[in-house]
Amino acid sequence: MTNEAVKVLMIFALYGILEVILCIPSTQKLKTVLSKRVAQAVKAEPNRAAARQ
């Protein structure tokens, strides 16, 4: 492998590690936001069905 290839791999590795570090504390927030959105979508579904008829 050339030095450039090693540098690129290191950058990708650092990016992956950063993503993991940043995502660990925010996963709980993300789950709550997603669950709220799913609940809103489920509530809106009967209205959509009624509007189609």
Protein backbone atom coordinates (compact mmCIF):
# COMPACT_ATOMS: atom_id res chain seq x y z
CA MET A 1 0.00 0.00 0.00
CA THR A 2 1.16 3.51 -0.74
CA ASN A 3 1.33 6.25 1.84
CA GLU A 4 -1.69 7.96 0.28
CA ALA A 5 -3.82 4.83 0.60
CA VAL A 6 -2.82 4.50 4.25
CA LYS A 7 -3.74 8.16 4.85
CA VAL A 8 -7.16 7.68 3.24
CA LEU A 9 -7.83 4.58 5.33
CA MET A 10 -6.79 6.45 8.49
CA ILE A 11 -9.17 9.30 7.65
CA PHE A 12 -12.04 6.86 7.15
CA ALA A 13 -11.18 5.08 10.42
CA LEU A 14 -11.10 8.36 12.35
CA TYR A 15 -14.39 9.41 10.79
CA GLY A 16 -15.99 6.09 11.80
CA ILE A 17 -14.70 6.39 15.36
CA LEU A 18 -15.99 9.96 15.59
CA GLU A 19 -19.39 8.87 14.32
CA VAL A 20 -19.59 6.15 16.98
CA ILE A 21 -18.51 8.53 19.76
CA LEU A 22 -21.00 11.20 18.69
CA CYS A 23 -23.86 8.75 18.23
CA ILE A 24 -23.60 6.97 21.60
CA PRO A 25 -25.01 9.83 23.76
CA SER A 26 -27.58 10.88 21.18
CA THR A 27 -29.04 7.44 20.42
CA GLN A 28 -31.58 7.79 23.24
CA LYS A 29 -32.70 11.19 21.92
CA LEU A 30 -32.87 9.81 18.39
CA LYS A 31 -35.01 6.88 19.53
CA THR A 32 -37.47 9.18 21.30
CA VAL A 33 -37.71 11.49 18.29
CA LEU A 34 -38.26 8.56 15.93
CA SER A 35 -40.88 6.98 18.20
CA LYS A 36 -42.75 10.30 18.40
CA ARG A 37 -42.72 10.59 14.61
CA VAL A 38 -43.98 7.03 14.22
CA ALA A 39 -46.77 7.73 16.72
CA GLN A 40 -47.77 10.87 14.80
CA ALA A 41 -47.77 8.94 11.52
CA VAL A 42 -49.96 6.23 13.04
CA LYS A 43 -52.41 8.86 14.32
CA ALA A 44 -52.52 10.53 10.90
CA GLU A 45 -53.13 7.26 9.04
CA PRO A 46 -56.92 7.00 9.67
CA ASN A 47 -57.32 10.59 8.49
CA ARG A 48 -55.54 9.75 5.24
CA ALA A 49 -57.74 6.70 4.73
CA ALA A 50 -60.88 8.77 5.31
CA ALA A 51 -59.66 11.46 2.93
CA ARG A 52 -59.16 8.91 0.14
CA GLN A 53 -62.79 7.80 0.31
